[in-house]
Protein backbone atom coordinates (compact mmCIF):
# COMPACT_ATOMS: atom_id res chain seq x y z
CA UNK A 1 -2.10 -12.64 -14.77
CA UNK A 2 -1.68 -10.76 -11.49
CA UNK A 3 0.77 -13.34 -10.32
CA UNK A 4 2.96 -12.82 -13.39
CA UNK A 5 3.01 -9.06 -12.74
CA UNK A 6 4.01 -9.80 -9.13
CA UNK A 7 6.85 -12.09 -10.27
CA UNK A 8 8.10 -9.46 -12.70
CA UNK A 9 8.12 -6.93 -9.90
CA UNK A 10 10.37 -9.27 -7.85
CA UNK A 11 12.94 -9.49 -10.55
CA UNK A 12 11.54 -11.93 -13.05
CA UNK A 13 12.35 -15.19 -11.28
CA UNK A 14 10.18 -14.73 -8.20
CA UNK A 15 13.07 -14.04 -5.74
CA UNK A 16 13.99 -10.97 -3.81
CA UNK A 17 17.48 -9.59 -3.38
CA UNK A 18 19.60 -10.02 -0.31
CA UNK A 19 19.14 -6.37 0.75
CA UNK A 20 15.37 -6.56 0.43
CA UNK A 21 15.32 -9.82 2.37
CA UNK A 22 17.41 -8.29 5.18
CA UNK A 23 15.16 -5.26 5.26
CA UNK A 24 12.09 -7.48 5.39
CA UNK A 25 13.63 -9.49 8.20
CA UNK A 26 14.48 -6.36 10.20
CA UNK A 27 10.96 -5.02 9.74
CA UNK A 28 9.51 -8.30 10.86
CA UNK A 29 11.76 -8.35 13.97
CA UNK A 30 10.72 -4.78 14.81
CA UNK A 31 7.07 -5.69 14.37
CA UNK A 32 7.41 -8.69 16.69
CA UNK A 33 9.21 -6.53 19.26
CA UNK A 34 6.41 -3.92 19.16
CA UNK A 35 3.76 -6.60 19.49
CA UNK A 36 5.55 -8.06 22.52
CA UNK A 37 5.91 -4.60 24.12
CA UNK A 38 2.22 -3.89 23.58
CA UNK A 39 1.24 -7.27 25.02
CA UNK A 40 3.54 -6.95 28.04
CA UNK A 41 2.49 -3.37 28.67
CA UNK A 42 5.34 -2.70 31.04
CA UNK A 43 2.97 -2.51 34.01
CA UNK A 44 3.96 -3.57 37.46
CA UNK A 45 1.61 -4.24 40.38
CA UNK A 46 0.94 -1.30 42.70
CA UNK A 47 2.65 -1.72 46.06
CA UNK A 48 2.64 0.56 49.05
CA UNK A 49 5.79 2.60 49.76
CA UNK A 50 6.50 2.34 53.46
CA UNK A 51 9.46 3.77 55.30
CA UNK A 52 10.01 5.13 58.79
CA UNK A 53 9.72 8.88 59.26
CA UNK A 54 11.43 10.65 62.17
CA UNK A 55 9.06 13.22 63.69
CA UNK A 56 10.09 15.82 66.27
CA UNK A 57 8.66 15.35 69.73
CA UNK A 58 5.66 17.51 70.59
CA UNK A 59 5.83 19.93 73.48
């Protein structure tokens, strides 16, 4: 019974339209991108910043 209501909501034959399929695909791609960004974290290892500094001579 619930499945029949679900099929009627999809258009009667159990398929979705091209626009809805593209929207679903774009949403899935965005979700995968967000999951990858969360997993990667964008963090880099901490490294010391070293560079020579010219100091004036002391009197």
